[in-house]
Amino acid sequence: MDLLTDQSFFRAFHILFGIAWIGLLYYFNFVQTEYVKVAEPDAKADVMKKLAPNALWWFRWAALFTFLTGLILLYQIWARIGTEIILGATMGTLMMLNVWGIIWRNQKIVLGMKEGDVALAAAKAGLASRTNTLFSVPMLMYMVYSAHAPGSYLILDDWNMTSLVIGLVIIFAIEANAIWGKMLPVIASVRSVITSSFVLAVILKIITDTL
């Protein structure tokens, strides 16, 4: 059997790497960040010196291998790709690029691994991380839905092209804020970003189901 055509093999590793990646994303946003806000200076310094670099290593490589195995899966089902999986894959790709292009680059400054404005770097990394958390629920919804829902692999046509375009505009507008914008109240707190992520999933699902 040609390994590149074995969906079950790559799907298993795609899910494994994805669990590690999203699990660490939630850990950073829901646990470590909140702890560091209230930790004593010595405890905070210990986290930044010993815990965070190790967690970020697993985080960024899990993101990359989730992306790479996802590319192989897309190659395997290329003729059956539909609106849902394109939107999900777009969010997943942007999330991976945020990890390597924004979060990791700025976290190196925060952790003292390179020189730079620590406060500015922390703000940029935090915004990108919150944006990834915002994307996480709709991304996972579309990835699971596209893989398992009956009849979900549809060749694009005029009917779902409208929903695809609208969905992509929303996604890239959110990503533009992650790159050039600021931390908005709807993603600033743990409760708000969780709520907003589910709201975004509902909005996108309504768009792809009704347009």
N, C-alpha and C. Protein backbone atom coordinates (compact mmCIF):
# COMPACT_ATOMS: atom_id res chain seq x y z
N MET A 1 0.84 -1.21 0.00
CA MET A 1 0.00 0.00 0.00
C MET A 1 0.87 1.25 0.00
N ASP A 2 0.52 2.21 -0.83
CA ASP A 2 1.24 3.48 -0.88
C ASP A 2 0.93 4.26 0.40
N LEU A 3 1.97 4.57 1.16
CA LEU A 3 1.77 5.25 2.45
C LEU A 3 1.05 6.57 2.29
N LEU A 4 1.35 7.30 1.20
CA LEU A 4 0.73 8.61 1.00
C LEU A 4 -0.76 8.52 0.72
N THR A 5 -1.26 7.35 0.40
CA THR A 5 -2.69 7.19 0.15
C THR A 5 -3.40 6.51 1.33
N ASP A 6 -2.67 6.20 2.38
CA ASP A 6 -3.26 5.55 3.55
C ASP A 6 -3.84 6.60 4.49
N GLN A 7 -5.14 6.89 4.34
CA GLN A 7 -5.76 7.94 5.13
C GLN A 7 -5.76 7.62 6.62
N SER A 8 -6.00 6.37 6.98
CA SER A 8 -6.11 6.01 8.40
C SER A 8 -4.80 6.27 9.14
N PHE A 9 -3.67 6.02 8.47
CA PHE A 9 -2.36 6.24 9.08
C PHE A 9 -2.15 7.71 9.40
N PHE A 10 -2.33 8.57 8.40
CA PHE A 10 -2.08 9.99 8.61
C PHE A 10 -3.17 10.65 9.43
N ARG A 11 -4.40 10.15 9.34
CA ARG A 11 -5.47 10.73 10.15
C ARG A 11 -5.21 10.49 11.64
N ALA A 12 -4.69 9.29 11.96
CA ALA A 12 -4.38 8.99 13.36
C ALA A 12 -3.33 9.95 13.91
N PHE A 13 -2.28 10.19 13.13
CA PHE A 13 -1.23 11.10 13.60
C PHE A 13 -1.69 12.56 13.56
N HIS A 14 -2.53 12.90 12.60
CA HIS A 14 -3.09 14.25 12.54
C HIS A 14 -3.89 14.54 13.81
N ILE A 15 -4.69 13.59 14.22
CA ILE A 15 -5.49 13.75 15.44
C ILE A 15 -4.59 13.80 16.67
N LEU A 16 -3.57 12.93 16.71
CA LEU A 16 -2.66 12.90 17.85
C LEU A 16 -1.93 14.23 18.02
N PHE A 17 -1.33 14.69 16.92
CA PHE A 17 -0.62 15.97 16.99
C PHE A 17 -1.59 17.12 17.31
N GLY A 18 -2.80 17.06 16.75
CA GLY A 18 -3.79 18.10 16.99
C GLY A 18 -4.22 18.16 18.45
N ILE A 19 -4.38 17.00 19.07
CA ILE A 19 -4.73 16.97 20.50
C ILE A 19 -3.64 17.64 21.32
N ALA A 20 -2.38 17.30 21.02
CA ALA A 20 -1.27 17.91 21.75
C ALA A 20 -1.24 19.42 21.54
N TRP A 21 -1.43 19.86 20.30
CA TRP A 21 -1.37 21.28 19.99
C TRP A 21 -2.49 22.06 20.67
N ILE A 22 -3.73 21.66 20.44
CA ILE A 22 -4.85 22.41 21.00
C ILE A 22 -4.89 22.29 22.51
N GLY A 23 -4.48 21.13 23.03
CA GLY A 23 -4.40 20.99 24.48
C GLY A 23 -3.44 21.98 25.09
N LEU A 24 -2.27 22.15 24.48
CA LEU A 24 -1.30 23.13 24.98
C LEU A 24 -1.79 24.56 24.76
N LEU A 25 -2.49 24.80 23.65
CA LEU A 25 -3.07 26.13 23.43
C LEU A 25 -4.01 26.49 24.56
N TYR A 26 -4.87 25.55 24.95
CA TYR A 26 -5.80 25.80 26.05
C TYR A 26 -5.06 25.92 27.38
N TYR A 27 -4.01 25.13 27.54
CA TYR A 27 -3.21 25.24 28.77
C TYR A 27 -2.63 26.64 28.90
N PHE A 28 -2.01 27.14 27.83
CA PHE A 28 -1.41 28.47 27.89
C PHE A 28 -2.46 29.54 28.19
N ASN A 29 -3.61 29.46 27.53
CA ASN A 29 -4.62 30.51 27.66
C ASN A 29 -5.44 30.41 28.94
N PHE A 30 -5.76 29.20 29.34
CA PHE A 30 -6.67 29.03 30.47
C PHE A 30 -5.97 28.78 31.80
N VAL A 31 -4.72 28.30 31.76
CA VAL A 31 -4.04 27.91 33.00
C VAL A 31 -2.80 28.76 33.26
N GLN A 32 -1.78 28.64 32.37
CA GLN A 32 -0.50 29.30 32.65
C GLN A 32 -0.63 30.81 32.70
N THR A 33 -1.29 31.40 31.71
CA THR A 33 -1.42 32.87 31.68
C THR A 33 -2.13 33.39 32.92
N GLU A 34 -3.20 32.70 33.32
CA GLU A 34 -3.95 33.13 34.50
C GLU A 34 -3.13 32.95 35.77
N TYR A 35 -2.33 31.90 35.83
CA TYR A 35 -1.47 31.68 36.99
C TYR A 35 -0.39 32.76 37.09
N VAL A 36 0.25 33.06 35.98
CA VAL A 36 1.33 34.04 35.98
C VAL A 36 0.83 35.41 36.44
N LYS A 37 -0.43 35.71 36.17
CA LYS A 37 -0.98 37.01 36.58
C LYS A 37 -0.98 37.19 38.09
N VAL A 38 -1.13 36.09 38.83
CA VAL A 38 -1.26 36.18 40.29
C VAL A 38 -0.10 35.55 41.03
N ALA A 39 0.86 34.97 40.31
CA ALA A 39 1.97 34.26 40.94
C ALA A 39 2.94 35.23 41.62
N GLU A 40 3.61 34.73 42.64
CA GLU A 40 4.68 35.50 43.26
C GLU A 40 5.83 35.65 42.27
N PRO A 41 6.62 36.71 42.41
CA PRO A 41 7.71 36.95 41.44
C PRO A 41 8.63 35.76 41.25
N ASP A 42 9.00 35.08 42.33
CA ASP A 42 9.90 33.93 42.20
C ASP A 42 9.23 32.80 41.43
N ALA A 43 7.95 32.57 41.71
CA ALA A 43 7.23 31.51 41.01
C ALA A 43 7.06 31.84 39.53
N LYS A 44 6.77 33.10 39.25
CA LYS A 44 6.63 33.53 37.86
C LYS A 44 7.94 33.37 37.11
N ALA A 45 9.04 33.76 37.74
CA ALA A 45 10.35 33.63 37.11
C ALA A 45 10.69 32.17 36.84
N ASP A 46 10.30 31.28 37.76
CA ASP A 46 10.57 29.87 37.58
C ASP A 46 9.77 29.30 36.40
N VAL A 47 8.52 29.75 36.26
CA VAL A 47 7.70 29.33 35.13
C VAL A 47 8.34 29.75 33.82
N MET A 48 8.77 31.00 33.76
CA MET A 48 9.35 31.53 32.53
C MET A 48 10.70 30.89 32.20
N LYS A 49 11.42 30.47 33.20
CA LYS A 49 12.75 29.90 32.97
C LYS A 49 12.70 28.42 32.65
N LYS A 50 11.81 27.67 33.33
CA LYS A 50 11.85 26.22 33.23
C LYS A 50 10.63 25.61 32.53
N LEU A 51 9.44 26.11 32.85
CA LEU A 51 8.23 25.49 32.32
C LEU A 51 7.87 25.97 30.92
N ALA A 52 7.78 27.28 30.75
CA ALA A 52 7.30 27.84 29.48
C ALA A 52 8.15 27.42 28.27
N PRO A 53 9.48 27.47 28.33
CA PRO A 53 10.26 27.06 27.15
C PRO A 53 9.99 25.62 26.74
N ASN A 54 9.86 24.73 27.71
CA ASN A 54 9.60 23.33 27.41
C ASN A 54 8.21 23.16 26.80
N ALA A 55 7.22 23.82 27.39
CA ALA A 55 5.86 23.72 26.87
C ALA A 55 5.76 24.32 25.47
N LEU A 56 6.46 25.42 25.23
CA LEU A 56 6.44 26.04 23.91
C LEU A 56 7.12 25.18 22.85
N TRP A 57 8.11 24.39 23.25
CA TRP A 57 8.75 23.48 22.29
C TRP A 57 7.74 22.46 21.77
N TRP A 58 7.03 21.82 22.71
CA TRP A 58 6.02 20.85 22.31
C TRP A 58 4.89 21.53 21.55
N PHE A 59 4.53 22.72 21.95
CA PHE A 59 3.43 23.48 21.34
C PHE A 59 3.70 23.77 19.88
N ARG A 60 4.87 24.32 19.57
CA ARG A 60 5.12 24.74 18.20
C ARG A 60 5.36 23.56 17.27
N TRP A 61 6.00 22.49 17.77
CA TRP A 61 6.22 21.34 16.90
C TRP A 61 4.94 20.52 16.72
N ALA A 62 4.10 20.47 17.72
CA ALA A 62 2.80 19.82 17.55
C ALA A 62 1.98 20.56 16.51
N ALA A 63 2.05 21.90 16.52
CA ALA A 63 1.34 22.70 15.53
C ALA A 63 1.84 22.39 14.12
N LEU A 64 3.16 22.33 13.96
CA LEU A 64 3.72 22.09 12.63
C LEU A 64 3.35 20.72 12.10
N PHE A 65 3.44 19.69 12.94
CA PHE A 65 3.15 18.34 12.47
C PHE A 65 1.65 18.11 12.28
N THR A 66 0.83 18.84 13.03
CA THR A 66 -0.60 18.80 12.74
C THR A 66 -0.86 19.36 11.35
N PHE A 67 -0.20 20.45 11.03
CA PHE A 67 -0.34 21.07 9.72
C PHE A 67 0.16 20.17 8.61
N LEU A 68 1.33 19.58 8.78
CA LEU A 68 1.92 18.75 7.73
C LEU A 68 1.08 17.49 7.46
N THR A 69 0.64 16.83 8.51
CA THR A 69 -0.22 15.65 8.30
C THR A 69 -1.56 16.07 7.71
N GLY A 70 -2.02 17.28 8.04
CA GLY A 70 -3.25 17.79 7.44
C GLY A 70 -3.09 18.02 5.94
N LEU A 71 -1.92 18.52 5.54
CA LEU A 71 -1.66 18.71 4.10
C LEU A 71 -1.73 17.38 3.35
N ILE A 72 -1.18 16.35 3.95
CA ILE A 72 -1.21 15.04 3.31
C ILE A 72 -2.65 14.54 3.19
N LEU A 73 -3.45 14.74 4.22
CA LEU A 73 -4.85 14.33 4.17
C LEU A 73 -5.61 15.10 3.09
N LEU A 74 -5.31 16.40 2.96
CA LEU A 74 -5.94 17.19 1.90
C LEU A 74 -5.55 16.67 0.52
N TYR A 75 -4.31 16.29 0.37
CA TYR A 75 -3.85 15.70 -0.89
C TYR A 75 -4.62 14.42 -1.21
N GLN A 76 -4.90 13.63 -0.18
CA GLN A 76 -5.58 12.36 -0.38
C GLN A 76 -7.04 12.52 -0.79
N ILE A 77 -7.68 13.62 -0.37
CA ILE A 77 -9.11 13.80 -0.66
C ILE A 77 -9.34 15.01 -1.56
N TRP A 78 -8.33 15.40 -2.33
CA TRP A 78 -8.37 16.66 -3.07
C TRP A 78 -9.63 16.81 -3.92
N ALA A 79 -10.06 15.75 -4.57
CA ALA A 79 -11.21 15.84 -5.48
C ALA A 79 -12.53 15.97 -4.74
N ARG A 80 -12.51 15.78 -3.42
CA ARG A 80 -13.76 15.81 -2.66
C ARG A 80 -13.80 16.95 -1.64
N ILE A 81 -12.91 17.91 -1.77
CA ILE A 81 -12.86 18.99 -0.79
C ILE A 81 -14.05 19.92 -0.97
N GLY A 82 -14.71 20.27 0.14
CA GLY A 82 -15.84 21.18 0.10
C GLY A 82 -15.63 22.41 0.96
N THR A 83 -16.67 23.21 1.05
CA THR A 83 -16.60 24.49 1.76
C THR A 83 -16.13 24.33 3.19
N GLU A 84 -16.73 23.38 3.90
CA GLU A 84 -16.44 23.23 5.33
C GLU A 84 -14.97 22.94 5.59
N ILE A 85 -14.43 22.00 4.83
CA ILE A 85 -13.03 21.63 5.10
C ILE A 85 -12.07 22.74 4.66
N ILE A 86 -12.43 23.52 3.65
CA ILE A 86 -11.58 24.65 3.26
C ILE A 86 -11.54 25.69 4.37
N LEU A 87 -12.69 26.00 4.94
CA LEU A 87 -12.73 26.97 6.03
C LEU A 87 -11.96 26.45 7.25
N GLY A 88 -12.16 25.19 7.58
CA GLY A 88 -11.44 24.61 8.71
C GLY A 88 -9.94 24.58 8.48
N ALA A 89 -9.54 24.17 7.28
CA ALA A 89 -8.11 24.11 6.96
C ALA A 89 -7.49 25.51 6.92
N THR A 90 -8.26 26.50 6.48
CA THR A 90 -7.75 27.87 6.48
C THR A 90 -7.48 28.35 7.89
N MET A 91 -8.43 28.11 8.80
CA MET A 91 -8.21 28.50 10.19
C MET A 91 -7.04 27.76 10.80
N GLY A 92 -6.94 26.45 10.53
CA GLY A 92 -5.82 25.68 11.05
C GLY A 92 -4.48 26.17 10.53
N THR A 93 -4.43 26.52 9.25
CA THR A 93 -3.19 27.03 8.67
C THR A 93 -2.80 28.37 9.29
N LEU A 94 -3.76 29.27 9.44
CA LEU A 94 -3.48 30.56 10.06
C LEU A 94 -3.03 30.39 11.51
N MET A 95 -3.64 29.44 12.20
CA MET A 95 -3.25 29.17 13.59
C MET A 95 -1.80 28.69 13.67
N MET A 96 -1.41 27.81 12.75
CA MET A 96 -0.03 27.34 12.73
C MET A 96 0.93 28.48 12.41
N LEU A 97 0.57 29.32 11.45
CA LEU A 97 1.42 30.46 11.11
C LEU A 97 1.51 31.45 12.27
N ASN A 98 0.42 31.60 13.02
CA ASN A 98 0.46 32.46 14.21
C ASN A 98 1.43 31.91 15.25
N VAL A 99 1.44 30.58 15.41
CA VAL A 99 2.34 29.95 16.38
C VAL A 99 3.79 30.27 16.03
N TRP A 100 4.18 30.02 14.79
CA TRP A 100 5.58 30.18 14.40
C TRP A 100 5.95 31.63 14.05
N GLY A 101 5.00 32.36 13.46
CA GLY A 101 5.33 33.70 12.99
C GLY A 101 5.12 34.81 14.00
N ILE A 102 4.24 34.59 14.98
CA ILE A 102 3.94 35.64 15.96
C ILE A 102 4.23 35.18 17.38
N ILE A 103 3.60 34.08 17.80
CA ILE A 103 3.70 33.66 19.19
C ILE A 103 5.14 33.30 19.56
N TRP A 104 5.75 32.39 18.81
CA TRP A 104 7.09 31.94 19.15
C TRP A 104 8.11 33.05 19.00
N ARG A 105 8.03 33.83 17.95
CA ARG A 105 8.99 34.92 17.75
C ARG A 105 8.95 35.90 18.91
N ASN A 106 7.76 36.22 19.40
CA ASN A 106 7.64 37.18 20.49
C ASN A 106 7.87 36.55 21.85
N GLN A 107 7.54 35.27 22.00
CA GLN A 107 7.80 34.62 23.27
C GLN A 107 9.29 34.50 23.54
N LYS A 108 10.09 34.40 22.50
CA LYS A 108 11.54 34.37 22.71
C LYS A 108 12.02 35.66 23.36
N ILE A 109 11.39 36.77 23.05
CA ILE A 109 11.73 38.03 23.69
C ILE A 109 11.25 38.04 25.14
N VAL A 110 10.01 37.57 25.35
CA VAL A 110 9.45 37.52 26.71
C VAL A 110 10.30 36.63 27.61
N LEU A 111 10.78 35.52 27.07
CA LEU A 111 11.57 34.57 27.87
C LEU A 111 13.04 34.97 27.99
N GLY A 112 13.43 36.08 27.36
CA GLY A 112 14.80 36.55 27.45
C GLY A 112 15.77 35.82 26.55
N MET A 113 15.25 35.13 25.53
CA MET A 113 16.10 34.39 24.61
C MET A 113 16.64 35.29 23.50
N LYS A 114 16.02 36.45 23.32
CA LYS A 114 16.52 37.45 22.37
C LYS A 114 16.10 38.82 22.86
N GLU A 115 16.76 39.85 22.36
CA GLU A 115 16.48 41.20 22.82
C GLU A 115 15.23 41.77 22.15
N GLY A 116 14.59 42.69 22.86
CA GLY A 116 13.41 43.34 22.32
C GLY A 116 12.57 43.94 23.41
N ASP A 117 11.48 44.58 23.03
CA ASP A 117 10.54 45.19 23.96
C ASP A 117 9.66 44.09 24.54
N VAL A 118 9.88 43.74 25.80
CA VAL A 118 9.18 42.62 26.42
C VAL A 118 7.68 42.87 26.50
N ALA A 119 7.28 44.07 26.89
CA ALA A 119 5.86 44.38 27.02
C ALA A 119 5.14 44.29 25.67
N LEU A 120 5.78 44.83 24.63
CA LEU A 120 5.19 44.79 23.30
C LEU A 120 5.13 43.35 22.78
N ALA A 121 6.20 42.60 23.01
CA ALA A 121 6.24 41.21 22.56
C ALA A 121 5.18 40.38 23.26
N ALA A 122 5.01 40.60 24.55
CA ALA A 122 4.00 39.85 25.30
C ALA A 122 2.60 40.16 24.78
N ALA A 123 2.36 41.42 24.45
CA ALA A 123 1.05 41.81 23.93
C ALA A 123 0.78 41.16 22.57
N LYS A 124 1.78 41.15 21.70
CA LYS A 124 1.61 40.54 20.38
C LYS A 124 1.39 39.04 20.48
N ALA A 125 2.19 38.38 21.32
CA ALA A 125 2.04 36.93 21.50
C ALA A 125 0.68 36.61 22.12
N GLY A 126 0.26 37.42 23.08
CA GLY A 126 -1.03 37.20 23.74
C GLY A 126 -2.19 37.35 22.79
N LEU A 127 -2.13 38.37 21.92
CA LEU A 127 -3.21 38.59 20.96
C LEU A 127 -3.29 37.42 19.97
N ALA A 128 -2.15 36.97 19.47
CA ALA A 128 -2.15 35.84 18.53
C ALA A 128 -2.65 34.57 19.20
N SER A 129 -2.26 34.37 20.44
CA SER A 129 -2.70 33.18 21.17
C SER A 129 -4.21 33.20 21.41
N ARG A 130 -4.73 34.37 21.78
CA ARG A 130 -6.17 34.50 21.97
C ARG A 130 -6.91 34.31 20.64
N THR A 131 -6.32 34.79 19.55
CA THR A 131 -6.94 34.61 18.24
C THR A 131 -7.00 33.13 17.88
N ASN A 132 -5.93 32.40 18.16
CA ASN A 132 -5.94 30.96 17.91
C ASN A 132 -7.01 30.26 18.74
N THR A 133 -7.18 30.71 19.97
CA THR A 133 -8.23 30.13 20.82
C THR A 133 -9.61 30.44 20.25
N LEU A 134 -9.78 31.64 19.73
CA LEU A 134 -11.03 32.02 19.08
C LEU A 134 -11.32 31.13 17.88
N PHE A 135 -10.30 30.83 17.09
CA PHE A 135 -10.46 29.98 15.92
C PHE A 135 -10.69 28.51 16.28
N SER A 136 -10.29 28.09 17.46
CA SER A 136 -10.18 26.67 17.76
C SER A 136 -11.50 25.91 17.65
N VAL A 137 -12.58 26.43 18.20
CA VAL A 137 -13.85 25.70 18.17
C VAL A 137 -14.41 25.57 16.75
N PRO A 138 -14.52 26.67 15.97
CA PRO A 138 -14.99 26.48 14.60
C PRO A 138 -14.05 25.65 13.74
N MET A 139 -12.74 25.76 13.97
CA MET A 139 -11.80 24.94 13.22
C MET A 139 -12.02 23.46 13.50
N LEU A 140 -12.13 23.10 14.77
CA LEU A 140 -12.37 21.70 15.13
C LEU A 140 -13.73 21.23 14.64
N MET A 141 -14.73 22.10 14.71
CA MET A 141 -16.06 21.75 14.22
C MET A 141 -16.00 21.37 12.74
N TYR A 142 -15.34 22.20 11.94
CA TYR A 142 -15.29 21.94 10.51
C TYR A 142 -14.40 20.74 10.17
N MET A 143 -13.32 20.55 10.90
CA MET A 143 -12.46 19.41 10.63
C MET A 143 -13.20 18.10 10.91
N VAL A 144 -13.89 18.03 12.03
CA VAL A 144 -14.64 16.82 12.38
C VAL A 144 -15.84 16.66 11.46
N TYR A 145 -16.55 17.76 11.23
CA TYR A 145 -17.74 17.71 10.37
C TYR A 145 -17.38 17.29 8.96
N SER A 146 -16.31 17.87 8.44
CA SER A 146 -15.91 17.57 7.07
C SER A 146 -15.47 16.12 6.91
N ALA A 147 -14.90 15.56 7.96
CA ALA A 147 -14.39 14.20 7.87
C ALA A 147 -15.47 13.15 8.09
N HIS A 148 -16.50 13.48 8.85
CA HIS A 148 -17.44 12.44 9.29
C HIS A 148 -18.90 12.67 8.91
N ALA A 149 -19.28 13.90 8.58
CA ALA A 149 -20.69 14.14 8.27
C ALA A 149 -21.06 13.52 6.92
N PRO A 150 -22.23 12.88 6.82
CA PRO A 150 -22.64 12.28 5.54
C PRO A 150 -22.75 13.34 4.44
N GLY A 151 -22.13 13.06 3.30
CA GLY A 151 -22.24 13.97 2.16
C GLY A 151 -21.51 15.28 2.32
N SER A 152 -20.57 15.35 3.26
CA SER A 152 -19.90 16.64 3.50
C SER A 152 -18.79 16.93 2.50
N TYR A 153 -18.26 15.90 1.81
CA TYR A 153 -17.24 16.14 0.80
C TYR A 153 -17.92 16.52 -0.51
N LEU A 154 -18.06 17.81 -0.75
CA LEU A 154 -18.76 18.29 -1.94
C LEU A 154 -17.83 19.10 -2.80
N ILE A 155 -17.89 18.89 -4.10
CA ILE A 155 -17.13 19.73 -5.01
C ILE A 155 -17.74 21.13 -5.01
N LEU A 156 -16.91 22.14 -4.96
CA LEU A 156 -17.42 23.51 -4.88
C LEU A 156 -18.26 23.87 -6.10
N ASP A 157 -19.37 24.54 -5.86
CA ASP A 157 -20.21 25.04 -6.95
C ASP A 157 -20.69 26.44 -6.58
N ASP A 158 -21.54 27.02 -7.42
CA ASP A 158 -21.99 28.39 -7.16
C ASP A 158 -22.77 28.50 -5.85
N TRP A 159 -23.42 27.41 -5.44
CA TRP A 159 -24.26 27.47 -4.25
C TRP A 159 -23.44 27.70 -2.99
N ASN A 160 -22.38 26.89 -2.81
CA ASN A 160 -21.60 27.05 -1.59
C ASN A 160 -20.40 27.99 -1.77
N MET A 161 -20.16 28.47 -2.98
CA MET A 161 -19.09 29.44 -3.16
C MET A 161 -19.38 30.74 -2.40
N THR A 162 -20.65 31.12 -2.33
CA THR A 162 -21.01 32.34 -1.59
C THR A 162 -20.67 32.20 -0.12
N SER A 163 -21.04 31.08 0.48
CA SER A 163 -20.73 30.88 1.89
C SER A 163 -19.23 30.76 2.12
N LEU A 164 -18.52 30.18 1.17
CA LEU A 164 -17.07 30.08 1.29
C LEU A 164 -16.44 31.46 1.32
N VAL A 165 -16.83 32.32 0.42
CA VAL A 165 -16.25 33.68 0.35
C VAL A 165 -16.56 34.45 1.63
N ILE A 166 -17.81 34.41 2.07
CA ILE A 166 -18.18 35.13 3.29
C ILE A 166 -17.41 34.60 4.49
N GLY A 167 -17.31 33.27 4.58
CA GLY A 167 -16.56 32.67 5.67
C GLY A 167 -15.10 33.08 5.67
N LEU A 168 -14.49 33.08 4.48
CA LEU A 168 -13.08 33.47 4.39
C LEU A 168 -12.87 34.94 4.74
N VAL A 169 -13.82 35.79 4.36
CA VAL A 169 -13.71 37.22 4.70
C VAL A 169 -13.71 37.39 6.22
N ILE A 170 -14.60 36.69 6.90
CA ILE A 170 -14.66 36.77 8.37
C ILE A 170 -13.36 36.27 8.98
N ILE A 171 -12.88 35.13 8.50
CA ILE A 171 -11.66 34.54 9.05
C ILE A 171 -10.46 35.45 8.85
N PHE A 172 -10.30 36.01 7.65
CA PHE A 172 -9.14 36.86 7.39
C PHE A 172 -9.25 38.22 8.09
N ALA A 173 -10.47 38.68 8.34
CA ALA A 173 -10.64 39.91 9.11
C ALA A 173 -10.17 39.69 10.55
N ILE A 174 -10.50 38.53 11.11
CA ILE A 174 -10.05 38.20 12.47
C ILE A 174 -8.53 38.07 12.50
N GLU A 175 -7.97 37.43 11.49
CA GLU A 175 -6.52 37.26 11.43
C GLU A 175 -5.82 38.61 11.24
N ALA A 176 -6.42 39.52 10.49
CA ALA A 176 -5.83 40.85 10.31
C ALA A 176 -5.72 41.56 11.65
N ASN A 177 -6.72 41.38 12.50
CA ASN A 177 -6.64 41.98 13.82
C ASN A 177 -5.52 41.36 14.65
N ALA A 178 -5.29 40.05 14.47
CA ALA A 178 -4.21 39.39 15.20
C ALA A 178 -2.85 39.94 14.81
N ILE A 179 -2.72 40.37 13.55
CA ILE A 179 -1.43 40.87 13.06
C ILE A 179 -1.25 42.36 13.32
N TRP A 180 -2.29 43.14 13.04
CA TRP A 180 -2.15 44.60 13.10
C TRP A 180 -3.06 45.28 14.12
N GLY A 181 -3.93 44.53 14.75
CA GLY A 181 -4.93 45.13 15.63
C GLY A 181 -4.55 45.11 17.09
N LYS A 182 -5.57 44.93 17.92
CA LYS A 182 -5.36 44.97 19.37
C LYS A 182 -6.27 43.94 20.04
N MET A 183 -6.01 43.72 21.33
CA MET A 183 -6.81 42.80 22.11
C MET A 183 -8.20 43.39 22.34
N LEU A 184 -9.20 42.76 21.77
CA LEU A 184 -10.58 43.23 21.91
C LEU A 184 -11.24 42.60 23.12
N PRO A 185 -12.23 43.28 23.72
CA PRO A 185 -12.91 42.73 24.91
C PRO A 185 -13.50 41.34 24.69
N VAL A 186 -13.92 41.04 23.45
CA VAL A 186 -14.57 39.75 23.19
C VAL A 186 -13.61 38.56 23.27
N ILE A 187 -12.29 38.82 23.34
CA ILE A 187 -11.33 37.73 23.49
C ILE A 187 -10.36 37.97 24.64
N ALA A 188 -10.54 39.04 25.39
CA ALA A 188 -9.55 39.44 26.39
C ALA A 188 -9.50 38.51 27.59
N SER A 189 -10.64 37.99 28.02
CA SER A 189 -10.68 37.12 29.20
C SER A 189 -10.91 35.68 28.78
N VAL A 190 -10.66 34.76 29.70
CA VAL A 190 -10.89 33.34 29.41
C VAL A 190 -12.35 33.10 29.08
N ARG A 191 -13.24 33.64 29.88
CA ARG A 191 -14.67 33.43 29.65
C ARG A 191 -15.11 34.02 28.31
N SER A 192 -14.62 35.21 28.00
CA SER A 192 -15.06 35.87 26.77
C SER A 192 -14.54 35.15 25.53
N VAL A 193 -13.30 34.67 25.54
CA VAL A 193 -12.77 34.01 24.35
C VAL A 193 -13.42 32.65 24.15
N ILE A 194 -13.75 31.94 25.22
CA ILE A 194 -14.48 30.68 25.08
C ILE A 194 -15.85 30.93 24.48
N THR A 195 -16.55 31.92 25.03
CA THR A 195 -17.89 32.26 24.52
C THR A 195 -17.81 32.69 23.06
N SER A 196 -16.85 33.56 22.75
CA SER A 196 -16.71 34.07 21.38
C SER A 196 -16.37 32.97 20.39
N SER A 197 -15.58 31.99 20.83
CA SER A 197 -15.22 30.90 19.94
C SER A 197 -16.44 30.07 19.55
N PHE A 198 -17.32 29.80 20.52
CA PHE A 198 -18.55 29.07 20.21
C PHE A 198 -19.50 29.91 19.36
N VAL A 199 -19.55 31.21 19.64
CA VAL A 199 -20.40 32.10 18.83
C VAL A 199 -19.91 32.13 17.39
N LEU A 200 -18.59 32.23 17.21
CA LEU A 200 -18.03 32.23 15.86
C LEU A 200 -18.35 30.93 15.13
N ALA A 201 -18.27 29.82 15.84
CA ALA A 201 -18.61 28.52 15.24
C ALA A 201 -20.06 28.50 14.77
N VAL A 202 -20.96 29.02 15.59
CA VAL A 202 -22.38 29.05 15.23
C VAL A 202 -22.61 29.94 14.02
N ILE A 203 -21.98 31.11 14.02
CA ILE A 203 -22.14 32.05 12.89
C ILE A 203 -21.66 31.42 11.59
N LEU A 204 -20.48 30.84 11.61
CA LEU A 204 -19.95 30.23 10.41
C LEU A 204 -20.79 29.04 9.96
N LYS A 205 -21.30 28.27 10.91
CA LYS A 205 -22.14 27.12 10.54
C LYS A 205 -23.45 27.58 9.91
N ILE A 206 -24.01 28.64 10.44
CA ILE A 206 -25.24 29.18 9.83
C ILE A 206 -24.96 29.65 8.40
N ILE A 207 -23.83 30.31 8.20
CA ILE A 207 -23.45 30.78 6.86
C ILE A 207 -23.29 29.62 5.90
N THR A 208 -22.56 28.59 6.30
CA THR A 208 -22.31 27.47 5.38
C THR A 208 -23.52 26.59 5.18
N ASP A 209 -24.48 26.65 6.10
CA ASP A 209 -25.67 25.81 5.97
C ASP A 209 -26.82 26.50 5.25
N THR A 210 -26.79 27.83 5.19
CA THR A 210 -27.96 28.54 4.66
C THR A 210 -27.70 29.32 3.39
N LEU A 211 -26.45 29.63 3.07
CA LEU A 211 -26.17 30.44 1.88
C LEU A 211 -25.80 29.56 0.68
